[in-house]
């Protein structure tokens, strides 16, 4: 009770008669950094009763799936798609398919060529054969845009002659319209075929969070479920990514299309959307529940020895599907606490606070020791 009473040996307090208690030096560190945390020791039986469980820091693929809500904005009962030439040029072949005829996926519809297409292929061959791989690689996107397939690019690398581009059917369906004839010059907006299938197209609009902007691009796969149709999943793709809308909401709007024969979907219905984003490879990751988020940063509780735990500051990255990327702070194979980490972290914070108080406490101007107090009592008796 009398903190000013100290002694270098075991005895009782001369004021109140209580036994002096030895100071536990293992709880006191003379130098404690502000961002350092003491090790917390917990007996195995206590850890078991507290439900302490551990997880291992792993390295692998971080799936960047986006879960959001969307709204059906349009239902097209007679979906059609126009097939146009990728370049301005001359038709060399056109399939004998007319209105009502069935076409199969991968069936050749027409071929065409142009002077610009041949010149581009010759330039690519020259750059590739001369060893200028940087120029040749830079030309591939232009060739692909002109309708040259990857197989044809491989043939050009093997010194095959420049060839016309071939356009194939992208799906099974029916021909609605057919235009053009062999030898006719056509431009990029000219409709050669108008095809469609016996399905309807569902257009959906959804919004995603700011941190997910870089995860979305056109062509990504998406899945849709509607509460009114339990157990039914619709598959589609992202067809358009709009610029950010709204300063306060900080959201990004995406448009998706789904093909289905289900006649129960209607406009203005709400749906749950799952967009399959591009995965991030070779990522150091931990379960999201293991990360303790504070106002000063993130940390995890690391198992440093037998029944010894220590909070460690980490830099967390992206988070998806209950998994969080860790950019620094731990390494692969480390064991961290997955259950009970908040209790251990709190205990370590308390100890760190006590350590700082002890290490920063100024020396008292005058300390009354037990021997001095006994001497003063003896002097009073003599008087």
Protein backbone atom coordinates (compact mmCIF):
# COMPACT_ATOMS: atom_id res chain seq x y z
CA UNK A 1 0.00 0.00 0.00
CA UNK A 2 2.97 2.31 0.62
CA UNK A 3 4.77 2.41 -2.72
CA UNK A 4 7.52 4.64 -1.39
CA UNK A 5 8.73 1.93 0.97
CA UNK A 6 11.44 -0.20 -0.68
CA UNK A 7 13.99 -2.66 0.60
CA UNK A 8 16.76 -4.84 -0.77
CA UNK A 9 15.70 -7.81 1.36
CA UNK A 10 12.49 -9.57 2.35
CA UNK A 11 10.75 -7.95 5.36
CA UNK A 12 7.55 -6.24 6.46
CA UNK A 13 6.47 -2.66 5.92
CA UNK A 14 7.27 -0.65 9.08
CA UNK A 15 4.19 1.53 8.56
CA UNK A 16 1.37 -0.99 8.07
CA UNK A 17 3.10 -4.27 8.81
CA UNK A 18 2.27 -5.88 5.45
CA UNK A 19 4.90 -8.07 3.77
CA UNK A 20 6.86 -6.37 1.01
CA UNK A 21 6.30 -8.05 -2.38
CA UNK A 22 9.20 -8.65 -4.76
CA UNK A 23 9.05 -6.74 -8.05
CA UNK A 24 8.52 -9.05 -11.06
CA UNK A 25 11.42 -7.94 -13.21
CA UNK A 26 10.35 -10.14 -16.13
CA UNK A 27 7.43 -7.78 -16.77
CA UNK A 28 9.62 -4.68 -16.89
CA UNK A 29 11.76 -3.71 -19.87
CA UNK A 30 13.96 -0.71 -19.40
CA UNK A 31 13.80 0.13 -23.11
CA UNK A 32 10.45 -0.31 -24.83
CA UNK A 33 9.78 1.09 -28.27
CA UNK A 34 6.44 2.66 -29.06
CA UNK A 35 5.74 0.16 -31.85
CA UNK A 36 7.01 -2.91 -29.99
CA UNK A 37 4.80 -5.37 -28.14
CA UNK A 38 5.82 -7.70 -25.30
CA UNK A 39 5.58 -11.47 -25.61
CA UNK A 40 2.57 -12.97 -23.86
CA UNK A 41 3.02 -16.41 -22.29
CA UNK A 42 -0.06 -18.60 -21.92
CA UNK A 43 -0.18 -22.10 -20.47
CA UNK A 44 -1.44 -24.83 -22.77
CA UNK A 45 -4.43 -25.52 -20.54
CA UNK A 46 -5.38 -21.84 -20.45
CA UNK A 47 -4.97 -21.52 -24.23
CA UNK A 48 -7.24 -24.54 -24.67
CA UNK A 49 -9.89 -23.06 -22.40
CA UNK A 50 -9.71 -19.73 -24.24
CA UNK A 51 -10.17 -21.48 -27.59
CA UNK A 52 -6.86 -20.24 -29.03
CA UNK A 53 -6.35 -21.60 -32.55
CA UNK A 54 -3.61 -20.95 -35.08
CA UNK A 55 -3.37 -20.64 -38.86
CA UNK A 56 -0.39 -20.79 -41.22
CA UNK A 57 0.72 -17.93 -43.47
CA UNK A 58 0.60 -19.28 -47.03
CA UNK A 59 1.52 -18.12 -50.51
CA UNK A 60 -0.80 -18.68 -53.45
CA UNK A 61 -3.54 -17.29 -55.67
CA UNK A 62 -5.80 -14.52 -54.42
CA UNK A 63 -9.19 -14.80 -56.10
CA UNK A 64 -10.63 -11.36 -56.76
CA UNK A 65 -14.32 -12.17 -56.97
CA UNK A 66 -16.77 -9.30 -56.60
CA UNK A 67 -20.12 -9.77 -54.92
CA UNK A 68 -22.67 -7.00 -55.49
CA UNK A 69 -26.30 -6.26 -56.24
CA UNK A 70 -27.63 -5.38 -59.67
CA UNK A 71 -30.83 -4.43 -61.43
CA UNK A 72 -32.25 -5.85 -64.65
CA UNK A 73 -32.51 -2.85 -66.95
CA UNK A 74 -33.60 -4.49 -70.21
CA UNK A 75 -34.93 -7.78 -71.51
CA UNK A 76 -34.41 -8.36 -75.24
CA UNK A 77 -36.66 -11.26 -76.35
CA UNK A 78 -35.17 -11.38 -79.88
CA UNK A 79 -31.47 -10.86 -79.35
CA UNK A 80 -29.46 -10.48 -82.53
CA UNK A 81 -25.86 -9.72 -83.30
CA UNK A 82 -24.44 -8.12 -86.39
CA UNK A 83 -21.21 -9.45 -87.89
CA UNK A 84 -19.17 -6.79 -89.66
CA UNK A 85 -15.75 -6.79 -91.39
CA UNK A 86 -12.78 -5.92 -89.15
CA UNK A 87 -11.16 -3.92 -91.99
CA UNK A 88 -12.08 -2.06 -95.15
CA UNK A 89 -11.43 -4.42 -98.03
CA UNK A 90 -12.74 -6.93 -100.56
CA UNK A 91 -14.88 -10.01 -99.88
CA UNK A 92 -13.18 -13.19 -101.14
CA UNK A 93 -15.71 -15.72 -99.85
CA UNK A 94 -19.14 -15.64 -98.25
CA UNK A 95 -21.06 -18.63 -96.94
CA UNK A 96 -24.22 -19.69 -98.74
CA UNK A 97 -26.40 -19.08 -95.72
CA UNK A 98 -29.67 -17.20 -96.00
CA UNK A 99 -32.54 -16.13 -93.78
CA UNK A 100 -33.69 -18.95 -91.53
CA UNK A 101 -30.65 -21.15 -92.16
CA UNK A 102 -28.91 -22.69 -89.17
CA UNK A 103 -25.25 -21.90 -88.48
CA UNK A 104 -22.92 -23.74 -86.11
CA UNK A 105 -20.38 -22.35 -83.72
CA UNK A 106 -17.01 -22.03 -85.48
CA UNK A 107 -18.48 -22.22 -89.00
CA UNK A 108 -16.69 -20.04 -91.58
CA UNK A 109 -18.90 -17.13 -92.63
CA UNK A 110 -16.68 -15.01 -94.92
CA UNK A 111 -13.08 -14.14 -95.78
CA UNK A 112 -11.64 -10.84 -96.99
CA UNK A 113 -8.41 -9.04 -97.71
CA UNK A 114 -7.03 -5.58 -98.37
CA UNK A 115 -3.81 -3.92 -99.42
CA UNK A 116 -3.26 -2.50 -95.94
CA UNK A 117 -3.70 -5.96 -94.39
CA UNK A 118 -1.07 -7.51 -96.68
CA UNK A 119 1.38 -4.65 -96.02
CA UNK A 120 0.95 -5.03 -92.28
CA UNK A 121 1.68 -8.76 -92.43
CA UNK A 122 4.78 -8.21 -94.59
CA UNK A 123 6.07 -5.56 -92.15
CA UNK A 124 5.56 -7.94 -89.26
CA UNK A 125 7.50 -10.70 -91.01
CA UNK A 126 10.41 -8.34 -91.73
CA UNK A 127 10.59 -7.15 -88.12
CA UNK A 128 10.37 -10.71 -86.78
CA UNK A 129 12.96 -12.16 -89.15
CA UNK A 130 15.40 -9.29 -88.54
CA UNK A 131 15.39 -9.96 -84.82
CA UNK A 132 13.54 -6.75 -83.91
CA UNK A 133 11.25 -8.54 -81.48
CA UNK A 134 10.16 -5.31 -79.76
CA UNK A 135 8.71 -3.90 -82.99
CA UNK A 136 7.19 -7.25 -83.94
CA UNK A 137 5.55 -7.63 -80.55
CA UNK A 138 4.17 -4.09 -80.74
CA UNK A 139 2.51 -4.91 -84.08
CA UNK A 140 0.58 -7.93 -82.79
CA UNK A 141 -2.33 -5.90 -81.26
CA UNK A 142 -2.82 -4.12 -84.60
CA UNK A 143 -2.86 -7.41 -86.47
CA UNK A 144 -5.35 -8.88 -84.00
CA UNK A 145 -7.58 -5.83 -84.43
CA UNK A 146 -7.54 -6.39 -88.19
CA UNK A 147 -8.85 -9.93 -87.68
CA UNK A 148 -5.58 -11.90 -87.91
CA UNK A 149 -5.77 -14.90 -85.59
CA UNK A 150 -2.98 -16.13 -83.32
CA UNK A 151 -2.66 -19.19 -85.53
CA UNK A 152 -2.10 -16.99 -88.57
CA UNK A 153 0.52 -14.94 -86.68
CA UNK A 154 2.35 -18.19 -85.95
CA UNK A 155 2.27 -19.02 -89.66
CA UNK A 156 3.72 -15.60 -90.47
CA UNK A 157 6.56 -16.30 -88.06
CA UNK A 158 7.18 -19.52 -90.02
CA UNK A 159 7.58 -17.41 -93.22
CA UNK A 160 4.22 -18.41 -94.69
CA UNK A 161 2.71 -16.02 -97.25
CA UNK A 162 0.38 -13.22 -96.05
CA UNK A 163 -3.17 -14.48 -95.95
CA UNK A 164 -6.72 -13.04 -95.82
CA UNK A 165 -8.67 -12.82 -92.59
CA UNK A 166 -11.43 -15.33 -91.86
CA UNK A 167 -14.54 -14.61 -89.81
CA UNK A 168 -16.25 -17.51 -88.02
CA UNK A 169 -19.60 -17.89 -86.25
CA UNK A 170 -19.25 -17.14 -82.54
CA UNK A 171 -22.19 -19.35 -81.53
CA UNK A 172 -24.97 -21.58 -82.79
CA UNK A 173 -27.92 -19.68 -84.17
CA UNK A 174 -30.02 -18.64 -87.14
CA UNK A 175 -29.39 -16.23 -89.99
CA UNK A 176 -31.72 -13.23 -90.04
CA UNK A 177 -30.08 -11.25 -92.83
CA UNK A 178 -27.18 -11.79 -95.27
CA UNK A 179 -25.60 -9.08 -97.37
CA UNK A 180 -22.70 -8.73 -99.78
CA UNK A 181 -21.22 -10.79 -102.61
CA UNK A 182 -17.81 -12.05 -103.60
CA UNK A 183 -15.59 -9.27 -105.01
CA UNK A 184 -17.59 -6.49 -103.37
CA UNK A 185 -15.73 -3.80 -101.42
CA UNK A 186 -17.04 -3.36 -97.89
CA UNK A 187 -16.17 -1.12 -94.95
CA UNK A 188 -15.95 -1.85 -91.24
CA UNK A 189 -19.55 -0.84 -90.50
CA UNK A 190 -21.07 -2.98 -93.26
CA UNK A 191 -23.36 -5.76 -91.94
CA UNK A 192 -22.53 -9.04 -93.68
CA UNK A 193 -24.57 -11.29 -91.38
CA UNK A 194 -27.22 -10.66 -88.76
CA UNK A 195 -27.52 -13.74 -86.60
CA UNK A 196 -29.22 -14.74 -83.37
CA UNK A 197 -30.43 -17.66 -81.32
CA UNK A 198 -33.59 -18.89 -79.67
CA UNK A 199 -32.87 -17.11 -76.40
CA UNK A 200 -33.36 -13.72 -74.81
CA UNK A 201 -30.65 -11.37 -73.57
CA UNK A 202 -30.89 -9.91 -70.06
CA UNK A 203 -29.05 -6.63 -69.52
CA UNK A 204 -28.07 -5.85 -65.92
CA UNK A 205 -26.49 -2.79 -64.32
CA UNK A 206 -24.48 -3.09 -61.08
CA UNK A 207 -22.19 -0.90 -58.99
CA UNK A 208 -18.90 -1.89 -57.33
CA UNK A 209 -16.74 -0.28 -54.65
CA UNK A 210 -13.83 2.05 -55.31
CA UNK A 211 -11.21 -0.46 -54.14
CA UNK A 212 -12.48 -2.95 -56.76
CA UNK A 213 -12.16 -0.66 -59.78
CA UNK A 214 -8.96 -2.28 -61.02
CA UNK A 215 -10.49 -5.76 -60.75
CA UNK A 216 -13.08 -5.33 -63.51
CA UNK A 217 -12.65 -5.33 -67.28
CA UNK A 218 -14.83 -6.09 -70.27
CA UNK A 219 -15.30 -9.75 -71.10
CA UNK A 220 -15.03 -11.10 -67.55
CA UNK A 221 -17.34 -13.94 -66.55
CA UNK A 222 -20.24 -13.20 -64.21
CA UNK A 223 -22.99 -15.15 -62.47
CA UNK A 224 -26.45 -13.96 -61.48
CA UNK A 225 -29.07 -15.26 -59.08
CA UNK A 226 -32.53 -13.89 -58.39
CA UNK A 227 -34.31 -14.36 -55.07
CA UNK A 228 -37.57 -15.15 -56.82
CA UNK A 229 -35.92 -18.03 -58.72
CA UNK A 230 -34.04 -20.02 -56.06
CA UNK A 231 -31.53 -22.59 -57.25
CA UNK A 232 -31.19 -21.10 -60.75
CA UNK A 233 -27.89 -19.51 -61.82
CA UNK A 234 -27.43 -17.43 -64.95
CA UNK A 235 -24.01 -17.02 -66.59
CA UNK A 236 -22.95 -13.98 -68.57
CA UNK A 237 -20.18 -11.44 -69.11
CA UNK A 238 -19.22 -7.87 -68.39
CA UNK A 239 -19.89 -5.87 -71.56
CA UNK A 240 -19.21 -2.31 -70.45
CA UNK A 241 -17.39 -0.51 -67.64
CA UNK A 242 -18.54 3.07 -67.05
CA UNK A 243 -16.42 5.89 -65.57
CA UNK A 244 -16.74 6.48 -61.79
CA UNK A 245 -20.08 8.05 -60.85
CA UNK A 246 -20.87 10.13 -57.81
CA UNK A 247 -18.29 11.80 -55.59
CA UNK A 248 -20.10 10.75 -52.42
CA UNK A 249 -20.74 7.12 -53.39
CA UNK A 250 -17.35 6.57 -55.11
CA UNK A 251 -18.81 3.69 -57.08
CA UNK A 252 -18.19 2.31 -60.54
CA UNK A 253 -21.05 1.18 -62.78
CA UNK A 254 -20.74 -1.96 -64.88
CA UNK A 255 -23.10 -3.39 -67.47
CA UNK A 256 -23.54 -7.14 -67.88
CA UNK A 257 -25.41 -9.39 -70.32
CA UNK A 258 -26.89 -12.83 -69.66
CA UNK A 259 -28.41 -15.20 -72.20
CA UNK A 260 -31.25 -17.45 -71.10
CA UNK A 261 -34.45 -19.14 -72.18
CA UNK A 262 -36.09 -18.46 -68.82
CA UNK A 263 -39.21 -16.37 -69.39
CA UNK A 264 -39.69 -15.51 -65.70
CA UNK A 265 -37.11 -12.71 -65.66
CA UNK A 266 -38.48 -9.23 -66.12
CA UNK A 267 -37.26 -5.67 -66.14
CA UNK A 268 -36.53 -3.87 -62.81
CA UNK A 269 -35.94 -7.11 -60.90
CA UNK A 270 -33.03 -7.05 -58.43
CA UNK A 271 -30.36 -9.72 -58.65
CA UNK A 272 -27.23 -10.83 -56.85
CA UNK A 273 -24.18 -10.52 -59.11
CA UNK A 274 -20.86 -12.35 -58.76
CA UNK A 275 -18.10 -11.13 -61.10
CA UNK A 276 -15.08 -13.41 -61.54
CA UNK A 277 -12.15 -10.98 -61.50
CA UNK A 278 -8.60 -11.70 -62.61
CA UNK A 279 -6.76 -13.60 -59.88
CA UNK A 280 -3.56 -12.28 -58.31
CA UNK A 281 -0.80 -14.89 -58.35
CA UNK A 282 1.95 -15.69 -55.82
CA UNK A 283 0.45 -13.67 -52.98
CA UNK A 284 1.37 -13.97 -49.29
CA UNK A 285 -2.01 -14.39 -47.62
CA UNK A 286 -3.78 -15.03 -44.33
CA UNK A 287 -7.43 -15.47 -43.30
CA UNK A 288 -9.07 -12.06 -42.96
CA UNK A 289 -10.28 -12.89 -39.42
CA UNK A 290 -6.69 -13.11 -38.20
CA UNK A 291 -5.95 -9.45 -39.03
CA UNK A 292 -6.56 -6.98 -36.20
CA UNK A 293 -7.45 -3.59 -37.66
CA UNK A 294 -6.72 -0.53 -35.52
CA UNK A 295 -6.60 3.20 -36.04
CA UNK A 296 -2.80 3.05 -36.26
CA UNK A 297 -2.52 0.12 -38.66
CA UNK A 298 -2.98 -3.63 -38.96
CA UNK A 299 -1.37 -6.41 -36.97
CA UNK A 300 -1.52 -10.14 -36.36
CA UNK A 301 -0.59 -12.23 -33.32
CA UNK A 302 2.45 -14.38 -34.13
CA UNK A 303 3.32 -17.65 -32.40
CA UNK A 304 7.01 -17.06 -31.55
CA UNK A 305 7.61 -20.13 -29.36
CA UNK A 306 5.98 -22.74 -27.19
CA UNK A 307 2.91 -21.02 -25.73
CA UNK A 308 4.46 -17.62 -26.52
CA UNK A 309 2.58 -15.06 -28.58
CA UNK A 310 3.52 -11.61 -29.83
CA UNK A 311 1.51 -9.01 -31.83
CA UNK A 312 3.31 -8.05 -35.05
CA UNK A 313 2.53 -5.03 -37.22
CA UNK A 314 1.81 -5.93 -40.86
CA UNK A 315 0.92 -4.11 -44.05
CA UNK A 316 -2.28 -5.61 -45.47
CA UNK A 317 -3.16 -5.45 -49.15
CA UNK A 318 -6.21 -6.55 -51.09
CA UNK A 319 -9.01 -8.55 -49.51
CA UNK A 320 -11.35 -11.01 -51.21
CA UNK A 321 -13.43 -14.04 -50.21
CA UNK A 322 -12.22 -14.03 -46.60
CA UNK A 323 -8.54 -13.90 -47.57
CA UNK A 324 -6.25 -10.88 -47.04
CA UNK A 325 -2.99 -10.17 -48.83
CA UNK A 326 0.00 -9.43 -46.56
CA UNK A 327 2.69 -7.26 -48.16
CA UNK A 328 5.14 -7.18 -45.23
CA UNK A 329 5.45 -8.15 -41.57
CA UNK A 330 5.34 -11.96 -41.73
CA UNK A 331 6.75 -14.67 -43.95
CA UNK A 332 5.46 -17.87 -45.47
CA UNK A 333 5.11 -20.66 -42.94
CA UNK A 334 4.66 -18.43 -39.88
CA UNK A 335 1.95 -19.47 -37.46
CA UNK A 336 -0.53 -16.79 -36.40
CA UNK A 337 -3.49 -16.83 -34.05
CA UNK A 338 -6.83 -17.31 -35.79
CA UNK A 339 -9.04 -17.44 -32.68
CA UNK A 340 -8.47 -15.56 -29.43
CA UNK A 341 -6.09 -13.06 -30.98
CA UNK A 342 -7.97 -10.04 -29.64
CA UNK A 343 -7.59 -11.19 -26.04
CA UNK A 344 -3.85 -11.82 -26.49
CA UNK A 345 -3.40 -8.49 -28.25
CA UNK A 346 -5.16 -6.67 -25.41
CA UNK A 347 -2.96 -8.37 -22.80
CA UNK A 348 0.16 -7.41 -24.74
CA UNK A 349 -1.03 -3.79 -25.00
CA UNK A 350 -1.55 -3.67 -21.23
CA UNK A 351 1.93 -5.02 -20.60
CA UNK A 352 3.44 -2.61 -23.11
CA UNK A 353 1.70 0.30 -21.36
CA UNK A 354 3.02 -0.80 -17.96
CA UNK A 355 6.52 -1.21 -19.39
CA UNK A 356 6.49 2.29 -20.83
CA UNK A 357 5.22 3.72 -17.54
CA UNK A 358 8.02 2.04 -15.59
CA UNK A 359 10.76 2.88 -18.09
CA UNK A 360 9.65 6.52 -18.39
CA UNK A 361 9.06 7.13 -14.64
CA UNK A 362 11.49 9.84 -13.38
CA UNK A 363 13.74 9.12 -10.43
CA UNK A 364 12.20 10.40 -7.18
CA UNK A 365 14.00 13.24 -5.47
CA UNK A 366 13.96 11.46 -2.13
CA UNK A 367 13.32 7.81 -1.34
CA UNK A 368 12.59 6.64 2.17
CA UNK A 369 14.07 3.22 2.74
CA UNK A 370 13.15 0.79 5.47
CA UNK A 371 16.53 1.15 7.23
CA UNK A 372 16.19 4.94 7.37
CA UNK A 373 12.69 4.71 8.79
CA UNK A 374 13.80 2.33 11.55
CA UNK A 375 16.70 4.66 12.43
CA UNK A 376 14.28 7.59 12.77
CA UNK A 377 12.07 5.57 15.13
CA UNK A 378 15.08 4.65 17.33
CA UNK A 379 16.13 8.30 17.55
CA UNK A 380 12.65 9.26 18.75
CA UNK A 381 12.82 6.63 21.48
CA UNK A 382 16.18 8.00 22.70
CA UNK A 383 14.74 11.52 22.87
